Amino acid sequence: MHARSQTATYRRSAIRASLTAVYYTKLSRREAVVVCAALIGAAIGQTPAQRAAPAPRVKHDTIYVAVQSPPPVVNVEAPSQWPAVVLGVAGLFLLWLQLRIMRRQTDAMNRQTALADKQTTLLEQQEASRRNEAIATFYRIAFDLAAELGKANEFPSVRIQADYSTHPREMLREAGRLFAPLGNDFLRAATQVAHRVEEYFSAVEAYNSDVSGGRTGRWQTVQTMRTQVGGDLDLADLQIPMQMRWKYDDGTAYKFRTRCSMPQDLAKQIMGGPADDAV
């Protein structure tokens, strides 16, 4: 009777132990049923001596859970705005300084431009003055030459009282300097006039120094040369711009060929016609 009571008690203990083992091992339902049946069967099948032996102690694994402390709270202070303010003020100052320098440079360039315009205007005025002076010099030479050539209005037997060092002749020797403002075309024409004047005075000198009977031919050469001088003066006059040419009061252009030649009435008395007809 006592043995049966112990057996029943042992069975109940085995069942509780099985259930406890199943609970802690976290088995599934099917696996728990299988494990419980095996443990109960093993307990029933043990002998009384085995059952009287103390059950081995179950060693459970200890699980330590490390509780992590929350991260420290770091209070970040907002950065100071003073560096940005200082940089902004410095940038504005540099911009103002640059604009001021640019304005001064612009003013300096404007002054230089105005000065250059004044210089250009002054140069143009000086050039116009030199050009007008050269034109006036040309016409003065032309009229003085016509007066000098009028000394050849003599009969073939009369000596020509020429002035070999007359002022127009001396000035024409410096035609390149006097007439440079009038351009190259006029310079070529003026040089031709100077060359023709030299030929005229050479013909006059040959005529005056000839005492033989061939003086009439030399006289004719003098008359021809003076007419050619007048024609060259007309060609030079054409190289002057139309609006700058000198004219008579009625607007008629000067005819230096006529002014430098022998008057027609005197030519008719001597040769029966104009001097240029005899050429």
Protein backbone atom coordinates (compact mmCIF):
# COMPACT_ATOMS: atom_id res chain seq x y z
CA MET A 1 0.00 0.00 0.00
CA HIS A 2 2.79 2.31 0.89
CA ALA A 3 4.65 1.36 -2.30
CA ARG A 4 1.70 2.25 -4.47
CA SER A 5 1.39 5.61 -2.81
CA GLN A 6 5.05 6.37 -3.52
CA THR A 7 4.69 5.31 -7.12
CA ALA A 8 1.76 7.63 -7.62
CA THR A 9 3.62 10.45 -5.96
CA TYR A 10 6.62 9.84 -8.16
CA ARG A 11 4.51 9.88 -11.28
CA ARG A 12 3.00 13.19 -10.35
CA SER A 13 6.45 14.60 -9.70
CA ALA A 14 7.68 13.31 -13.06
CA ILE A 15 4.74 14.88 -14.83
CA ARG A 16 5.36 18.24 -13.13
CA ALA A 17 9.05 18.04 -13.96
CA SER A 18 8.24 17.23 -17.58
CA LEU A 19 5.86 20.11 -17.83
CA THR A 20 8.38 22.41 -16.21
CA ALA A 21 11.13 21.29 -18.59
CA VAL A 22 8.83 21.75 -21.56
CA TYR A 23 7.90 25.25 -20.37
CA TYR A 24 11.48 26.46 -19.98
CA THR A 25 12.74 24.93 -23.22
CA LYS A 26 10.07 26.74 -25.29
CA LEU A 27 9.12 23.67 -27.40
CA SER A 28 6.22 23.55 -29.76
CA ARG A 29 3.01 21.77 -28.79
CA ARG A 30 3.78 18.62 -30.72
CA GLU A 31 7.34 18.45 -29.47
CA ALA A 32 6.15 19.03 -25.89
CA VAL A 33 3.69 16.10 -26.08
CA VAL A 34 6.42 13.84 -27.37
CA VAL A 35 8.89 14.94 -24.68
CA CYS A 36 6.33 14.56 -21.87
CA ALA A 37 5.38 11.03 -22.99
CA ALA A 38 9.02 10.05 -23.11
CA LEU A 39 9.74 11.44 -19.64
CA ILE A 40 6.66 9.83 -18.09
CA GLY A 41 7.47 6.49 -19.68
CA ALA A 42 11.02 6.66 -18.42
CA ALA A 43 9.81 7.45 -14.90
CA ILE A 44 7.30 4.57 -14.82
CA GLY A 45 9.88 2.15 -16.15
CA GLN A 46 12.39 2.89 -13.41
CA THR A 47 12.94 0.42 -10.58
CA PRO A 48 12.21 1.33 -6.98
CA ALA A 49 15.90 1.65 -6.32
CA GLN A 50 16.34 4.04 -9.23
CA ARG A 51 13.34 5.94 -8.11
CA ALA A 52 14.72 6.17 -4.58
CA ALA A 53 17.95 7.77 -5.94
CA PRO A 54 17.93 11.51 -5.86
CA ALA A 55 17.18 13.20 -9.13
CA PRO A 56 20.10 15.07 -10.71
CA ARG A 57 20.06 18.81 -10.29
CA VAL A 58 19.15 20.75 -13.37
CA LYS A 59 21.60 23.50 -14.11
CA HIS A 60 19.97 26.48 -15.67
CA ASP A 61 21.93 28.97 -17.86
CA THR A 62 21.94 32.45 -16.48
CA ILE A 63 21.22 35.13 -19.01
CA TYR A 64 22.52 38.56 -18.16
CA VAL A 65 20.73 41.36 -19.87
CA ALA A 66 22.91 44.43 -20.26
CA VAL A 67 20.82 47.49 -19.85
CA GLN A 68 22.29 50.19 -22.07
CA SER A 69 22.09 53.64 -20.64
CA PRO A 70 20.62 56.35 -22.89
CA PRO A 71 23.16 58.40 -24.85
CA PRO A 72 24.24 61.61 -23.21
CA VAL A 73 22.42 64.72 -24.25
CA VAL A 74 24.80 67.20 -25.90
CA ASN A 75 23.55 70.75 -26.00
CA VAL A 76 25.11 72.41 -29.13
CA GLU A 77 25.22 76.14 -28.84
CA ALA A 78 24.21 78.07 -31.96
CA PRO A 79 27.22 79.59 -33.81
CA SER A 80 27.83 83.27 -33.42
CA GLN A 81 26.61 85.52 -36.22
CA TRP A 82 29.34 88.11 -35.72
CA PRO A 83 31.81 86.58 -38.25
CA ALA A 84 29.14 86.61 -40.94
CA VAL A 85 28.24 90.19 -40.07
CA VAL A 86 31.88 91.26 -40.17
CA LEU A 87 32.43 89.52 -43.52
CA GLY A 88 29.29 91.13 -44.92
CA VAL A 89 30.39 94.59 -43.82
CA ALA A 90 33.87 93.99 -45.21
CA GLY A 91 32.36 92.84 -48.51
CA LEU A 92 30.18 95.94 -48.74
CA PHE A 93 33.18 98.13 -47.98
CA LEU A 94 35.27 96.44 -50.67
CA LEU A 95 32.40 96.77 -53.15
CA TRP A 96 32.03 100.47 -52.33
CA LEU A 97 35.79 100.94 -52.68
CA GLN A 98 35.82 99.14 -56.04
CA LEU A 99 32.90 101.22 -57.32
CA ARG A 100 34.65 104.38 -56.22
CA ILE A 101 37.85 103.36 -58.01
CA MET A 102 35.86 102.50 -61.14
CA ARG A 103 34.09 105.87 -60.98
CA ARG A 104 37.41 107.67 -60.68
CA GLN A 105 38.80 105.67 -63.58
CA THR A 106 35.72 106.51 -65.62
CA ASP A 107 36.11 110.19 -64.78
CA ALA A 108 39.78 110.05 -65.71
CA MET A 109 38.96 108.36 -69.02
CA ASN A 110 36.28 110.94 -69.72
CA ARG A 111 38.76 113.73 -69.02
CA GLN A 112 41.30 112.08 -71.29
CA THR A 113 38.66 111.68 -73.99
CA ALA A 114 37.65 115.32 -73.65
CA LEU A 115 41.31 116.35 -73.74
CA ALA A 116 41.89 114.18 -76.81
CA ASP A 117 38.86 115.76 -78.49
CA LYS A 118 40.18 119.21 -77.70
CA GLN A 119 43.59 118.26 -79.04
CA THR A 120 41.99 116.82 -82.15
CA THR A 121 39.95 119.99 -82.62
CA LEU A 122 43.05 122.09 -82.05
CA LEU A 123 45.02 120.02 -84.54
CA GLU A 124 42.22 120.33 -87.08
CA GLN A 125 42.14 124.06 -86.54
CA GLN A 126 45.91 124.27 -86.89
CA GLU A 127 45.77 122.12 -90.02
CA ALA A 128 43.03 124.31 -91.48
CA SER A 129 45.06 127.41 -90.59
CA ARG A 130 48.19 126.02 -92.26
CA ARG A 131 46.14 125.01 -95.29
CA ASN A 132 44.60 128.46 -95.58
CA GLU A 133 48.02 130.01 -95.14
CA ALA A 134 49.46 127.82 -97.90
CA ILE A 135 46.60 128.77 -100.25
CA ALA A 136 47.14 132.45 -99.54
CA THR A 137 50.87 132.02 -100.17
CA PHE A 138 50.19 130.36 -103.50
CA TYR A 139 47.93 133.12 -104.76
CA ARG A 140 50.35 135.78 -103.59
CA ILE A 141 53.17 134.05 -105.46
CA ALA A 142 50.96 133.71 -108.54
CA PHE A 143 50.05 137.39 -108.65
CA ASP A 144 53.63 138.47 -107.92
CA LEU A 145 54.86 136.21 -110.72
CA ALA A 146 52.32 137.68 -113.12
CA ALA A 147 53.62 141.13 -112.24
CA GLU A 148 57.24 140.02 -112.70
CA LEU A 149 56.47 138.37 -116.04
CA GLY A 150 54.80 141.60 -117.18
CA LYS A 151 58.30 143.11 -117.37
CA ALA A 152 58.74 141.10 -120.56
CA ASN A 153 56.14 143.23 -122.35
CA GLU A 154 58.84 144.77 -124.51
CA PHE A 155 59.74 144.81 -128.14
CA PRO A 156 62.37 142.31 -129.29
CA SER A 157 65.09 144.94 -129.34
CA VAL A 158 64.51 146.15 -125.78
CA ARG A 159 66.25 144.69 -122.76
CA ILE A 160 63.97 142.99 -120.21
CA GLN A 161 64.49 144.45 -116.74
CA ALA A 162 63.91 141.19 -114.91
CA ASP A 163 64.52 140.74 -111.18
CA TYR A 164 66.40 137.45 -110.98
CA SER A 165 66.13 137.30 -107.19
CA THR A 166 62.43 138.13 -107.06
CA HIS A 167 60.59 136.96 -103.98
CA PRO A 168 58.22 134.51 -105.75
CA ARG A 169 61.18 132.74 -107.30
CA GLU A 170 62.84 132.31 -103.90
CA MET A 171 59.65 131.05 -102.31
CA LEU A 172 58.99 128.50 -105.05
CA ARG A 173 62.35 126.93 -104.25
CA GLU A 174 60.79 125.97 -100.90
CA ALA A 175 57.53 124.68 -102.39
CA GLY A 176 57.77 121.36 -100.49
CA ARG A 177 57.68 123.12 -97.13
CA LEU A 178 55.24 125.89 -98.02
CA PHE A 179 52.58 123.78 -99.73
CA ALA A 180 52.77 120.50 -97.77
CA PRO A 181 49.32 121.09 -96.13
CA LEU A 182 47.71 121.10 -99.60
CA GLY A 183 48.60 117.49 -100.43
CA ASN A 184 50.81 115.64 -102.87
CA ASP A 185 48.91 116.57 -106.02
CA PHE A 186 49.33 120.26 -105.35
CA LEU A 187 52.98 119.76 -104.44
CA ARG A 188 53.65 118.16 -107.82
CA ALA A 189 51.90 121.03 -109.60
CA ALA A 190 53.78 123.65 -107.53
CA THR A 191 57.08 121.91 -108.25
CA GLN A 192 56.29 122.10 -111.95
CA VAL A 193 55.63 125.84 -111.59
CA ALA A 194 58.98 126.31 -109.84
CA HIS A 195 60.77 124.42 -112.61
CA ARG A 196 59.05 126.49 -115.29
CA VAL A 197 59.96 129.75 -113.53
CA GLU A 198 63.62 128.74 -113.55
CA GLU A 199 63.40 128.05 -117.27
CA TYR A 200 61.81 131.47 -117.81
CA PHE A 201 64.57 133.37 -116.03
CA SER A 202 67.15 131.34 -117.88
CA ALA A 203 65.51 132.36 -121.17
CA VAL A 204 65.42 136.02 -120.07
CA GLU A 205 69.08 135.93 -119.12
CA ALA A 206 69.99 134.39 -122.47
CA TYR A 207 67.93 137.02 -124.29
CA ASN A 208 69.52 139.94 -122.43
CA SER A 209 73.03 138.61 -122.95
CA ASP A 210 72.59 138.07 -126.69
CA VAL A 211 73.74 140.99 -128.79
CA SER A 212 73.61 139.23 -132.12
CA GLY A 213 70.90 139.25 -134.71
CA GLY A 214 69.21 136.14 -133.20
CA ARG A 215 67.75 138.08 -130.35
CA THR A 216 64.25 137.89 -131.84
CA GLY A 217 64.16 134.12 -131.47
CA ARG A 218 65.23 134.34 -127.83
CA TRP A 219 62.60 136.98 -127.27
CA GLN A 220 60.00 134.57 -128.64
CA THR A 221 61.26 131.87 -126.25
CA VAL A 222 60.79 134.25 -123.32
CA GLN A 223 57.20 134.94 -124.38
CA THR A 224 56.50 131.23 -124.73
CA MET A 225 57.94 130.43 -121.29
CA ARG A 226 55.92 133.11 -119.53
CA THR A 227 52.74 131.69 -121.09
CA GLN A 228 53.66 128.19 -119.89
CA VAL A 229 54.28 129.51 -116.39
CA GLY A 230 50.73 130.91 -116.37
CA GLY A 231 49.36 127.58 -117.61
CA ASP A 232 51.18 125.69 -114.82
CA LEU A 233 49.74 128.10 -112.26
CA ASP A 234 46.25 127.31 -113.55
CA LEU A 235 46.93 123.58 -113.18
CA ALA A 236 48.10 124.12 -109.60
CA ASP A 237 45.00 126.19 -108.89
CA LEU A 238 42.82 123.26 -109.96
CA GLN A 239 44.39 121.09 -107.23
CA ILE A 240 42.90 123.32 -104.55
CA PRO A 241 39.41 122.25 -103.36
CA MET A 242 36.65 124.14 -105.14
CA GLN A 243 35.29 125.80 -101.99
CA MET A 244 38.77 127.10 -101.07
CA ARG A 245 39.78 128.62 -104.40
CA TRP A 246 40.10 132.35 -104.69
CA LYS A 247 37.96 134.03 -107.34
CA TYR A 248 37.00 137.41 -108.64
CA ASP A 249 34.14 139.24 -106.99
CA ASP A 250 31.73 137.98 -109.63
CA GLY A 251 32.73 134.35 -108.92
CA THR A 252 34.90 133.97 -111.99
CA ALA A 253 38.03 131.86 -111.50
CA TYR A 254 41.46 133.38 -112.00
CA LYS A 255 43.13 132.73 -115.36
CA PHE A 256 46.85 132.97 -114.73
CA ARG A 257 47.72 131.94 -118.27
CA THR A 258 46.10 135.13 -119.49
CA ARG A 259 47.60 137.28 -116.71
CA CYS A 260 51.14 135.96 -117.35
CA SER A 261 51.02 136.25 -121.16
CA MET A 262 51.66 139.35 -123.21
CA PRO A 263 48.55 141.53 -123.54
CA GLN A 264 46.74 140.88 -126.79
CA ASP A 265 46.86 144.50 -128.00
CA LEU A 266 50.64 144.62 -127.56
CA ALA A 267 51.05 141.21 -129.18
CA LYS A 268 49.08 142.46 -132.19
CA GLN A 269 51.31 145.47 -132.50
CA ILE A 270 54.46 143.37 -132.44
CA MET A 271 53.47 140.14 -134.20
CA GLY A 272 49.97 140.70 -135.46
CA GLY A 273 48.30 138.33 -132.94
CA PRO A 274 48.36 137.02 -129.37
CA ALA A 275 51.63 135.81 -127.96
CA ASP A 276 50.42 132.22 -127.62
CA ASP A 277 49.39 132.16 -131.28
CA ALA A 278 53.01 132.62 -132.26
CA VAL A 279 54.10 129.56 -130.30
